[in-house]
Amino acid sequence: MKPHPLVSNTLLLCLLASPGIAAPSGVAEASPVVLPAQSKELASEGLRRRQLEGKVTLSDAVNLALHQNADVLVALREIERKHGRVVEVRAQGLPHVSLNASLNEQDSRLSSQLAKGVETQNKSWQIALKVSQVIYSGGEVAANVRSAKFSQDAAYYALRDTLDKVVSQVRQQFSQVLATRALIEVAEESVELANQQLKDANNRFQAGTVPRFNVLRAEVEVASVKPALIRAKNDYLIAQLQLAKTLGLDAVPSGKPTFQCIGELQVSGRPMGLADSLSLGRARRPLLKQKRQEILVQKEAITVARSGYKPRIDAQAGYELLNKSTSTKLDDTVNGYFLGITGSWKVFDSLETNGQVAQAKAQMQQAMLSYEDAVQTVELEVQRAYADLQQFRETIESQQQNVKQAVEALRLSQERLSAGAGTQLEVLDARVALTRARTTELQARADYVRSLAEFDRATATDTVYSESFQDPLSQLEKKVLRYKPADLFKP
């Protein structure tokens, strides 16, 4: 596998082959989220302008998270670290050039004693230029290089998995902000209806057509619906703060976010069944590709361990310049080249290499088991998200009809009360039923949008990558990806 390009220090200058984030569905958007590497400034200009206006769309939020989210930044730094590891390990198989110099001085009495009474130079120096090269290492160096490259590719897939998680998280939190804001409107309507009911009860009491009990009952109802409005406002604030944290925005002194989310909760499906969804998840999920790379890493670790059975040969060559030890003049020098080959072979190491090979094989088995477990986890996530979509879609359909019936029931109860044929309790019950139906429908809509974001993450259809190296699962992905990415986000 060819290594991917080195990550630039500029976060979205690469984002590793510039992933294009497909237009998220479920929240109304004017345009898809696209992150071209060559237009970072242009992509951010509109975002900054809307931030100044206090308005942020879902596309803006996703772009901002990819720029500033801590998990994304950490994943990028990990790729840079893995690249440094590749450079470090690759150096083991390349020539090493070193320049060594030394200057020594000893007591003249020691020099005379060593020379048996002959006066010699008590100072010595030498300069040596040395080149060393590994000739044969039993495959250890080559395996280490391949292992480091596989680890680097695994870090790349880990970044892709992080991007999918961040995009899904932003979509879910953005929809939560919209849902809690809509629930505030429902609570405000409920308070307004209660106030109107109180005003009507006061008017009827003043006219002498109803007892004082009706007024008291209306006042109690007004006080009863206000906590729901207070709670809805607090939920809205918490949802905004959670989104701000994911976007990497700093806290403001007021404690309230300065941005306003723009969009609507929309219900849209995906043109595929459960079987296709499972196939997509198995073929596209970066987590599985990362696990496969880790298996390759452990395979190379076995080769490294087995190199202990084989000999190692190193070659050295260089040129040395030093002063004559038999001369009294410090500048009286001698120089010349030197060549050498050294070899070593562990004839018997008390089964140390056997133990290392056994450990490496066990770790490879662990990596394979981890991959199989990851496949089952992906399948479970896809099945759960698919089932949630079905549940919340059915809930929405049932509650939409329920809302219509509740609105009609409230209208009829109010007319009956005005005509003197109904009671105030009937009106209150009808109003509570309407509020409950609207709240349930809104929550089901928000849950559907969040489940849709989780479904797109589980099937890895939220992001599309243009890769410059061979993906180990690319052929499998081509077989199962019968839908174009854009088609997956059509209503």
Protein backbone atom coordinates (compact mmCIF):
# COMPACT_ATOMS: atom_id res chain seq x y z
CA MET A 1 0.00 0.00 0.00
CA LYS A 2 1.37 3.37 -0.94
CA PRO A 3 1.50 5.90 1.88
CA HIS A 4 -0.89 8.83 1.77
CA PRO A 5 0.43 12.41 1.49
CA LEU A 6 1.91 14.04 4.57
CA VAL A 7 -0.60 16.04 6.53
CA SER A 8 -0.09 19.78 6.28
CA ASN A 9 0.00 21.91 9.41
CA THR A 10 -2.97 23.81 8.00
CA LEU A 11 -5.95 21.86 9.26
CA LEU A 12 -8.19 21.81 6.19
CA LEU A 13 -5.45 22.40 3.66
CA CYS A 14 -5.48 18.63 3.30
CA LEU A 15 -7.86 16.93 5.72
CA LEU A 16 -6.20 14.03 3.97
CA ALA A 17 -7.36 14.17 0.39
CA SER A 18 -10.01 16.74 1.29
CA PRO A 19 -13.15 14.83 2.32
CA GLY A 20 -16.32 16.28 0.85
CA ILE A 21 -19.10 16.18 3.42
CA ALA A 22 -22.31 15.27 1.65
CA ALA A 23 -25.30 17.46 2.34
CA PRO A 24 -26.76 16.14 5.62
CA SER A 25 -30.40 15.25 5.48
CA GLY A 26 -33.00 15.77 8.16
CA VAL A 27 -32.29 19.47 8.64
CA ALA A 28 -33.13 21.81 5.79
CA GLU A 29 -30.01 23.09 4.01
CA ALA A 30 -29.51 25.50 1.14
CA SER A 31 -26.35 23.82 -0.19
CA PRO A 32 -24.16 20.78 0.50
CA VAL A 33 -21.16 20.99 2.77
CA VAL A 34 -18.00 20.87 0.65
CA LEU A 35 -14.45 21.37 1.87
CA PRO A 36 -12.12 21.96 -1.11
CA ALA A 37 -8.50 22.13 -0.04
CA GLN A 38 -7.66 25.11 -2.20
CA SER A 39 -10.44 27.39 -0.96
CA LYS A 40 -10.23 27.40 2.82
CA GLU A 41 -10.43 31.19 3.03
CA LEU A 42 -13.40 31.36 0.66
CA ALA A 43 -15.19 28.57 2.54
CA SER A 44 -14.74 30.40 5.83
CA GLU A 45 -15.72 33.87 4.61
CA GLY A 46 -19.44 33.16 4.49
CA LEU A 47 -19.24 31.42 7.85
CA ARG A 48 -17.58 34.42 9.51
CA ARG A 49 -20.15 36.74 8.01
CA ARG A 50 -23.05 34.67 9.29
CA GLN A 51 -21.39 34.37 12.68
CA LEU A 52 -21.28 38.15 12.90
CA GLU A 53 -24.97 38.14 12.10
CA GLY A 54 -25.52 35.47 14.76
CA LYS A 55 -26.87 32.89 12.29
CA VAL A 56 -25.33 29.47 11.66
CA THR A 57 -26.62 26.76 9.32
CA LEU A 58 -25.90 23.06 9.60
CA SER A 59 -23.30 23.32 6.85
CA ASP A 60 -21.59 26.12 8.77
CA ALA A 61 -21.62 24.07 11.94
CA VAL A 62 -20.06 21.03 10.24
CA ASN A 63 -17.36 23.15 8.61
CA LEU A 64 -16.60 24.88 11.88
CA ALA A 65 -16.35 21.57 13.74
CA LEU A 66 -13.92 20.21 11.16
CA HIS A 67 -11.78 23.30 11.68
CA GLN A 68 -11.86 23.47 15.46
CA ASN A 69 -13.11 20.24 17.05
CA ALA A 70 -10.53 18.90 19.50
CA ASP A 71 -10.99 15.26 18.44
CA VAL A 72 -10.24 16.14 14.81
CA LEU A 73 -7.15 18.12 15.77
CA VAL A 74 -5.88 15.28 17.95
CA ALA A 75 -6.41 12.75 15.11
CA LEU A 76 -4.44 14.99 12.74
CA ARG A 77 -1.58 15.27 15.18
CA GLU A 78 -1.59 11.48 15.52
CA ILE A 79 -1.10 11.12 11.78
CA GLU A 80 1.84 13.51 11.92
CA ARG A 81 3.29 11.42 14.76
CA LYS A 82 2.86 8.23 12.75
CA HIS A 83 4.58 9.85 9.78
CA GLY A 84 7.50 10.75 12.02
CA ARG A 85 7.62 7.12 13.09
CA VAL A 86 7.84 6.04 9.43
CA VAL A 87 10.77 8.39 8.86
CA GLU A 88 12.46 7.11 12.00
CA VAL A 89 12.09 3.42 11.16
CA ARG A 90 13.01 3.87 7.50
CA ALA A 91 16.31 5.39 8.64
CA GLN A 92 17.30 2.00 10.08
CA GLY A 93 17.85 0.65 6.56
CA LEU A 94 19.72 3.70 5.23
CA PRO A 95 23.39 4.63 5.67
CA HIS A 96 24.35 6.47 8.83
CA VAL A 97 27.19 9.00 8.67
CA SER A 98 28.81 10.21 11.87
CA LEU A 99 31.71 12.52 12.62
CA ASN A 100 33.52 11.77 15.86
CA ALA A 101 36.28 13.82 17.48
CA SER A 102 38.17 13.48 20.75
CA LEU A 103 40.92 15.31 22.63
CA ASN A 104 42.68 13.69 25.58
CA GLU A 105 45.40 14.75 27.96
CA GLN A 106 47.12 12.86 30.77
CA ASP A 107 49.82 13.53 33.31
CA SER A 108 53.32 13.50 31.78
CA ARG A 109 54.49 11.12 34.47
CA LEU A 110 51.92 8.58 33.32
CA SER A 111 52.97 9.09 29.71
CA SER A 112 56.64 8.53 30.61
CA GLN A 113 55.79 5.43 32.64
CA LEU A 114 53.77 3.97 29.81
CA ALA A 115 56.62 4.66 27.38
CA LYS A 116 59.20 3.07 29.72
CA GLY A 117 61.18 6.18 30.29
CA VAL A 118 60.91 7.60 26.79
CA GLU A 119 59.42 11.10 26.68
CA THR A 120 56.25 11.11 24.60
CA GLN A 121 53.31 13.41 23.85
CA ASN A 122 50.85 13.52 26.77
CA LYS A 123 48.09 14.94 24.57
CA SER A 124 46.22 13.06 21.88
CA TRP A 125 43.40 13.82 19.49
CA GLN A 126 41.57 12.14 16.65
CA ILE A 127 38.87 12.89 14.09
CA ALA A 128 37.02 10.09 12.34
CA LEU A 129 34.34 10.16 9.64
CA LYS A 130 32.37 6.92 9.81
CA VAL A 131 29.71 5.45 7.52
CA SER A 132 27.70 2.42 8.72
CA GLN A 133 25.13 0.39 6.83
CA VAL A 134 22.96 -2.62 7.69
CA ILE A 135 23.71 -5.37 5.17
CA TYR A 136 21.38 -8.07 6.48
CA SER A 137 19.04 -8.05 9.47
CA GLY A 138 16.91 -11.11 8.88
CA GLY A 139 14.04 -8.98 7.53
CA GLU A 140 13.73 -6.91 10.70
CA VAL A 141 14.33 -3.50 9.11
CA ALA A 142 12.02 -4.08 6.14
CA ALA A 143 9.25 -5.41 8.39
CA ASN A 144 9.57 -2.42 10.71
CA VAL A 145 9.20 -0.04 7.77
CA ARG A 146 6.11 -1.84 6.47
CA SER A 147 4.65 -1.93 9.98
CA ALA A 148 5.18 1.81 10.43
CA LYS A 149 3.46 2.53 7.10
CA PHE A 150 0.53 0.30 8.01
CA SER A 151 0.27 2.16 11.34
CA GLN A 152 0.27 5.46 9.49
CA ASP A 153 -2.57 4.28 7.25
CA ALA A 154 -4.44 3.04 10.33
CA ALA A 155 -4.12 6.55 11.79
CA TYR A 156 -5.57 7.93 8.58
CA TYR A 157 -8.59 5.66 8.87
CA ALA A 158 -8.88 6.65 12.53
CA LEU A 159 -9.11 10.27 11.36
CA ARG A 160 -11.85 9.33 8.92
CA ASP A 161 -13.73 7.57 11.70
CA THR A 162 -13.33 10.67 13.87
CA LEU A 163 -14.64 12.89 11.08
CA ASP A 164 -17.70 10.67 10.67
CA LYS A 165 -18.35 10.80 14.41
CA VAL A 166 -17.94 14.58 14.57
CA VAL A 167 -20.24 15.17 11.59
CA SER A 168 -22.87 12.87 13.09
CA GLN A 169 -22.52 14.51 16.49
CA VAL A 170 -22.93 17.99 15.01
CA ARG A 171 -25.99 16.90 13.07
CA GLN A 172 -27.58 15.37 16.16
CA GLN A 173 -26.80 18.32 18.42
CA PHE A 174 -27.92 20.80 15.76
CA SER A 175 -31.24 18.99 15.46
CA GLN A 176 -31.55 18.98 19.25
CA VAL A 177 -31.16 22.77 19.26
CA LEU A 178 -33.90 23.09 16.65
CA ALA A 179 -36.15 20.65 18.53
CA THR A 180 -35.79 22.39 21.90
CA ARG A 181 -36.44 25.74 20.27
CA ALA A 182 -39.61 24.35 18.71
CA LEU A 183 -40.66 22.96 22.09
CA ILE A 184 -40.33 26.47 23.49
CA GLU A 185 -42.86 27.63 20.91
CA VAL A 186 -45.21 24.79 21.90
CA ALA A 187 -44.85 25.71 25.58
CA GLU A 188 -45.45 29.38 24.79
CA GLU A 189 -48.60 28.46 22.87
CA SER A 190 -49.75 26.41 25.84
CA VAL A 191 -49.17 29.36 28.19
CA GLU A 192 -50.98 31.67 25.78
CA LEU A 193 -53.96 29.32 25.61
CA ALA A 194 -54.06 29.12 29.40
CA ASN A 195 -53.97 32.92 29.65
CA GLN A 196 -56.78 33.22 27.14
CA GLN A 197 -58.76 30.69 29.12
CA LEU A 198 -58.15 32.70 32.30
CA LYS A 199 -59.24 35.90 30.59
CA ASP A 200 -62.40 34.23 29.30
CA ALA A 201 -63.16 32.83 32.76
CA ASN A 202 -62.76 36.29 34.31
CA ASN A 203 -65.10 37.82 31.73
CA ARG A 204 -67.71 35.12 32.35
CA PHE A 205 -67.31 35.49 36.10
CA GLN A 206 -67.82 39.27 35.81
CA ALA A 207 -70.92 38.60 33.73
CA GLY A 208 -72.17 36.17 36.38
CA THR A 209 -72.41 33.17 34.09
CA VAL A 210 -69.77 31.04 35.82
CA PRO A 211 -68.77 30.60 39.46
CA ARG A 212 -65.51 31.80 41.05
CA PHE A 213 -64.25 28.22 40.89
CA ASN A 214 -63.76 28.50 37.11
CA VAL A 215 -61.48 31.51 37.58
CA LEU A 216 -59.42 29.77 40.26
CA ARG A 217 -59.14 26.67 38.08
CA ALA A 218 -57.90 28.77 35.16
CA GLU A 219 -55.35 30.55 37.40
CA VAL A 220 -54.02 27.20 38.63
CA GLU A 221 -53.69 26.00 35.04
CA VAL A 222 -51.69 29.11 34.07
CA ALA A 223 -49.30 28.48 36.93
CA SER A 224 -49.07 24.78 36.02
CA VAL A 225 -47.95 25.31 32.41
CA LYS A 226 -45.23 27.88 33.17
CA PRO A 227 -42.66 25.33 34.50
CA ALA A 228 -42.79 23.53 31.18
CA LEU A 229 -41.84 26.76 29.41
CA ILE A 230 -39.01 27.40 31.87
CA ARG A 231 -37.73 23.86 31.40
CA ALA A 232 -37.92 24.16 27.61
CA LYS A 233 -35.85 27.36 27.66
CA ASN A 234 -33.23 25.73 29.85
CA ASP A 235 -33.08 22.65 27.57
CA TYR A 236 -32.58 25.00 24.62
CA LEU A 237 -29.69 26.72 26.38
CA ILE A 238 -28.04 23.41 27.30
CA ALA A 239 -28.41 22.15 23.72
CA GLN A 240 -26.72 25.30 22.41
CA LEU A 241 -23.86 24.97 24.90
CA GLN A 242 -23.29 21.33 23.94
CA LEU A 243 -23.18 22.26 20.26
CA ALA A 244 -20.79 25.14 21.00
CA LYS A 245 -18.45 22.74 22.77
CA THR A 246 -18.44 20.35 19.80
CA LEU A 247 -17.75 23.27 17.46
CA GLY A 248 -14.79 24.30 19.60
CA LEU A 249 -16.25 27.70 20.47
CA ASP A 250 -15.03 29.43 23.60
CA ALA A 251 -17.43 30.32 26.39
CA VAL A 252 -18.68 33.89 26.46
CA PRO A 253 -18.98 35.99 29.64
CA SER A 254 -22.77 36.08 29.40
CA GLY A 255 -22.93 32.27 29.49
CA LYS A 256 -25.25 32.22 26.47
CA PRO A 257 -24.07 31.33 22.94
CA THR A 258 -24.03 34.23 20.52
CA PHE A 259 -25.06 32.16 17.49
CA GLN A 260 -28.51 31.12 16.31
CA CYS A 261 -29.09 27.86 14.47
CA ILE A 262 -31.00 28.25 11.21
CA GLY A 263 -32.90 25.31 9.76
CA GLU A 264 -35.95 23.12 10.05
CA LEU A 265 -36.48 19.53 11.12
CA GLN A 266 -37.30 17.49 8.05
CA VAL A 267 -38.05 13.80 7.68
CA SER A 268 -36.39 12.01 4.77
CA GLY A 269 -35.55 8.39 4.13
CA ARG A 270 -32.78 6.42 2.48
CA PRO A 271 -33.37 4.41 -0.74
CA MET A 272 -32.02 1.13 0.60
CA GLY A 273 -33.06 -1.77 2.72
CA LEU A 274 -31.41 -3.34 5.72
CA ALA A 275 -29.33 -5.78 3.64
CA ASP A 276 -27.80 -2.99 1.57
CA SER A 277 -27.26 -0.92 4.71
CA LEU A 278 -25.31 -3.74 6.34
CA SER A 279 -23.22 -4.24 3.21
CA LEU A 280 -22.39 -0.54 3.08
CA GLY A 281 -21.44 -0.49 6.72
CA ARG A 282 -19.09 -3.45 6.34
CA ALA A 283 -17.49 -2.03 3.20
CA ARG A 284 -17.21 1.68 4.03
CA ARG A 285 -16.71 2.00 7.78
CA PRO A 286 -13.23 3.45 8.49
CA LEU A 287 -13.18 1.55 11.78
CA LEU A 288 -13.03 -1.78 9.96
CA LYS A 289 -10.33 -0.53 7.62
CA GLN A 290 -8.34 0.65 10.60
CA LYS A 291 -8.69 -2.78 12.21
CA ARG A 292 -7.47 -4.46 9.03
CA GLN A 293 -4.39 -2.27 9.02
CA GLU A 294 -3.74 -3.22 12.63
CA ILE A 295 -3.79 -6.88 11.60
CA LEU A 296 -1.13 -6.12 8.99
CA VAL A 297 0.91 -4.34 11.64
CA GLN A 298 0.82 -7.40 13.88
CA LYS A 299 1.74 -9.64 10.93
CA GLU A 300 4.90 -7.61 10.41
CA ALA A 301 5.60 -7.85 14.14
CA ILE A 302 5.86 -11.62 13.71
CA THR A 303 8.49 -11.10 10.99
CA VAL A 304 10.41 -8.77 13.31
CA ALA A 305 10.32 -11.35 16.10
CA ARG A 306 11.46 -14.16 13.78
CA SER A 307 14.46 -12.11 12.71
CA GLY A 308 15.98 -13.11 16.03
CA TYR A 309 16.58 -16.57 14.55
CA LYS A 310 18.73 -15.10 11.78
CA PRO A 311 22.16 -13.46 11.71
CA ARG A 312 22.79 -9.72 11.42
CA ILE A 313 25.55 -8.21 9.30
CA ASP A 314 26.68 -4.57 9.39
CA ALA A 315 29.34 -2.82 7.32
CA GLN A 316 31.47 0.14 8.36
CA ALA A 317 33.84 2.38 6.46
CA GLY A 318 35.45 5.73 7.08
CA TYR A 319 38.48 7.93 7.28
CA GLU A 320 40.42 8.83 10.42
CA LEU A 321 42.91 11.58 11.25
CA LEU A 322 44.93 11.55 14.54
CA ASN A 323 48.25 12.67 16.01
CA LYS A 324 51.18 10.31 16.40
CA SER A 325 51.41 8.93 19.90
CA THR A 326 55.19 8.52 19.60
CA SER A 327 55.79 12.11 18.57
CA THR A 328 56.26 15.05 20.91
CA LYS A 329 54.61 17.40 18.42
CA LEU A 330 50.85 17.77 18.62
CA ASP A 331 50.55 18.61 14.91
CA ASP A 332 52.45 15.54 13.80
CA THR A 333 49.54 13.50 12.35
CA VAL A 334 48.77 10.27 10.64
CA ASN A 335 45.62 9.51 8.62
CA GLY A 336 44.01 6.75 6.60
CA TYR A 337 40.84 4.83 5.84
CA PHE A 338 39.30 1.88 7.58
CA LEU A 339 36.84 -0.80 6.44
CA GLY A 340 35.06 -3.48 8.35
CA ILE A 341 32.19 -5.95 8.45
CA THR A 342 30.68 -7.19 11.69
CA GLY A 343 28.29 -10.04 12.10
CA SER A 344 26.40 -11.62 14.97
CA TRP A 345 24.15 -14.64 15.36
CA LYS A 346 22.36 -15.74 18.48
CA VAL A 347 23.19 -19.42 18.50
CA PHE A 348 21.24 -19.98 21.73
CA ASP A 349 19.29 -17.26 23.54
CA SER A 350 17.51 -19.43 26.12
CA LEU A 351 14.28 -19.38 24.03
CA GLU A 352 14.02 -15.59 24.18
CA THR A 353 13.19 -15.38 20.47
CA ASN A 354 10.65 -18.19 20.82
CA GLY A 355 8.86 -16.16 23.46
CA GLN A 356 8.87 -13.04 21.30
CA VAL A 357 7.44 -14.95 18.33
CA ALA A 358 4.72 -16.47 20.53
CA GLN A 359 3.78 -13.03 21.81
CA ALA A 360 3.63 -11.59 18.29
CA LYS A 361 1.40 -14.44 17.08
CA ALA A 362 -0.94 -14.00 20.04
CA GLN A 363 -1.18 -10.26 19.36
CA MET A 364 -2.05 -10.96 15.74
CA GLN A 365 -4.81 -13.32 16.87
CA GLN A 366 -6.06 -10.59 19.18
CA ALA A 367 -6.10 -8.12 16.28
CA MET A 368 -8.09 -10.58 14.16
CA LEU A 369 -10.58 -11.16 16.96
CA SER A 370 -10.84 -7.40 17.46
CA TYR A 371 -11.65 -7.03 13.77
CA GLU A 372 -14.37 -9.67 13.93
CA ASP A 373 -15.84 -7.99 17.00
CA ALA A 374 -15.73 -4.62 15.21
CA VAL A 375 -17.66 -6.12 12.28
CA GLN A 376 -20.36 -7.32 14.65
CA THR A 377 -20.40 -3.92 16.35
CA VAL A 378 -20.87 -2.17 13.00
CA GLU A 379 -23.68 -4.54 12.06
CA LEU A 380 -25.37 -3.92 15.41
CA GLU A 381 -25.09 -0.14 15.01
CA VAL A 382 -26.58 -0.31 11.51
CA GLN A 383 -29.44 -2.56 12.61
CA ARG A 384 -30.19 -0.40 15.65
CA ALA A 385 -30.16 2.83 13.62
CA TYR A 386 -32.33 1.24 10.93
CA ALA A 387 -34.84 0.01 13.52
CA ASP A 388 -34.91 3.43 15.21
CA LEU A 389 -35.65 5.08 11.87
CA GLN A 390 -38.60 2.79 11.33
CA GLN A 391 -39.90 3.38 14.85
CA PHE A 392 -39.67 7.16 14.78
CA ARG A 393 -41.10 7.40 11.26
CA GLU A 394 -44.17 5.46 12.37
CA THR A 395 -44.39 7.59 15.52
CA ILE A 396 -44.29 10.79 13.47
CA GLU A 397 -47.01 9.57 11.11
CA SER A 398 -49.27 8.59 14.00
CA GLN A 399 -48.71 11.82 15.92
CA GLN A 400 -49.27 14.04 12.89
CA GLN A 401 -52.78 12.66 12.65
CA ASN A 402 -53.14 12.92 16.40
CA VAL A 403 -52.23 16.62 16.31
CA LYS A 404 -54.95 17.29 13.74
CA GLN A 405 -57.50 15.49 15.87
CA ALA A 406 -56.35 17.30 19.03
CA VAL A 407 -56.67 20.69 17.32
CA GLU A 408 -60.19 19.84 16.22
CA ALA A 409 -61.07 18.52 19.70
CA LEU A 410 -59.88 21.77 21.30
CA ARG A 411 -61.93 23.83 18.84
CA LEU A 412 -65.07 21.81 19.53
CA SER A 413 -64.60 21.97 23.32
CA GLN A 414 -64.22 25.74 23.18
CA GLU A 415 -67.38 26.06 21.08
CA ARG A 416 -69.27 23.80 23.48
CA LEU A 417 -68.10 25.92 26.41
CA SER A 418 -69.16 29.12 24.65
CA ALA A 419 -72.58 27.62 23.94
CA GLY A 420 -72.94 26.51 27.55
CA ALA A 421 -73.05 22.82 26.62
CA GLY A 422 -69.50 22.02 27.72
CA THR A 423 -67.36 22.48 30.79
CA GLN A 424 -64.08 24.20 31.47
CA LEU A 425 -62.53 20.85 32.33
CA GLU A 426 -63.23 19.61 28.80
CA VAL A 427 -61.36 22.59 27.36
CA LEU A 428 -58.41 22.08 29.69
CA ASP A 429 -58.23 18.40 28.86
CA ALA A 430 -58.35 19.14 25.14
CA ARG A 431 -55.60 21.76 25.46
CA VAL A 432 -53.38 19.36 27.44
CA ALA A 433 -53.97 16.66 24.82
CA LEU A 434 -52.97 19.06 22.04
CA THR A 435 -49.80 20.10 23.86
CA ARG A 436 -48.91 16.48 24.50
CA ALA A 437 -49.51 15.52 20.85
CA ARG A 438 -47.40 18.42 19.54
CA THR A 439 -44.59 17.67 21.98
CA THR A 440 -44.57 13.96 21.11
CA GLU A 441 -44.55 14.72 17.38
CA LEU A 442 -41.68 17.18 17.73
CA GLN A 443 -39.65 14.83 19.88
CA ALA A 444 -40.25 11.97 17.45
CA ARG A 445 -39.16 14.21 14.57
CA ALA A 446 -35.99 15.20 16.43
CA ASP A 447 -35.31 11.56 17.35
CA TYR A 448 -35.73 10.59 13.70
CA VAL A 449 -33.24 13.22 12.55
CA ARG A 450 -30.75 12.10 15.19
CA SER A 451 -31.25 8.46 14.22
CA LEU A 452 -30.75 9.40 10.57
CA ALA A 453 -27.44 11.03 11.45
CA GLU A 454 -26.43 7.91 13.37
CA PHE A 455 -27.53 5.72 10.44
CA ASP A 456 -25.38 7.72 8.03
CA ARG A 457 -22.43 7.41 10.40
CA ALA A 458 -22.97 3.67 10.87
CA THR A 459 -23.06 3.11 7.10
CA ALA A 460 -20.26 5.68 6.49
CA THR A 461 -22.33 7.53 3.91
CA ASP A 462 -21.93 10.94 5.54
CA THR A 463 -18.52 11.58 3.98
CA VAL A 464 -16.92 10.93 0.60
CA TYR A 465 -13.13 10.79 0.25
CA SER A 466 -10.85 11.08 -2.74
CA GLU A 467 -7.88 8.85 -1.96
CA SER A 468 -4.46 8.77 -3.58
CA PHE A 469 -3.60 5.26 -2.36
CA GLN A 470 -5.11 1.79 -2.54
CA ASP A 471 -7.84 1.16 -0.01
CA PRO A 472 -7.78 -2.51 1.14
CA LEU A 473 -11.58 -2.62 0.95
CA SER A 474 -12.05 -0.50 -2.18
CA GLN A 475 -13.06 -3.44 -4.37
CA LEU A 476 -15.63 -4.63 -1.84
CA GLU A 477 -16.93 -1.10 -1.51
CA LYS A 478 -17.42 -0.79 -5.28
CA LYS A 479 -19.44 -4.01 -5.33
CA VAL A 480 -21.91 -2.97 -2.65
CA LEU A 481 -22.11 0.78 -3.32
CA ARG A 482 -24.84 0.64 -5.91
CA TYR A 483 -26.17 4.05 -4.91
CA LYS A 484 -24.46 7.30 -5.70
CA PRO A 485 -23.63 9.26 -2.53
CA ALA A 486 -25.82 12.15 -3.67
CA ASP A 487 -28.80 9.80 -4.11
CA LEU A 488 -28.61 8.75 -0.47
CA PHE A 489 -29.52 12.27 0.65
CA LYS A 490 -32.55 12.83 -1.57
CA PRO A 491 -35.83 13.27 0.35
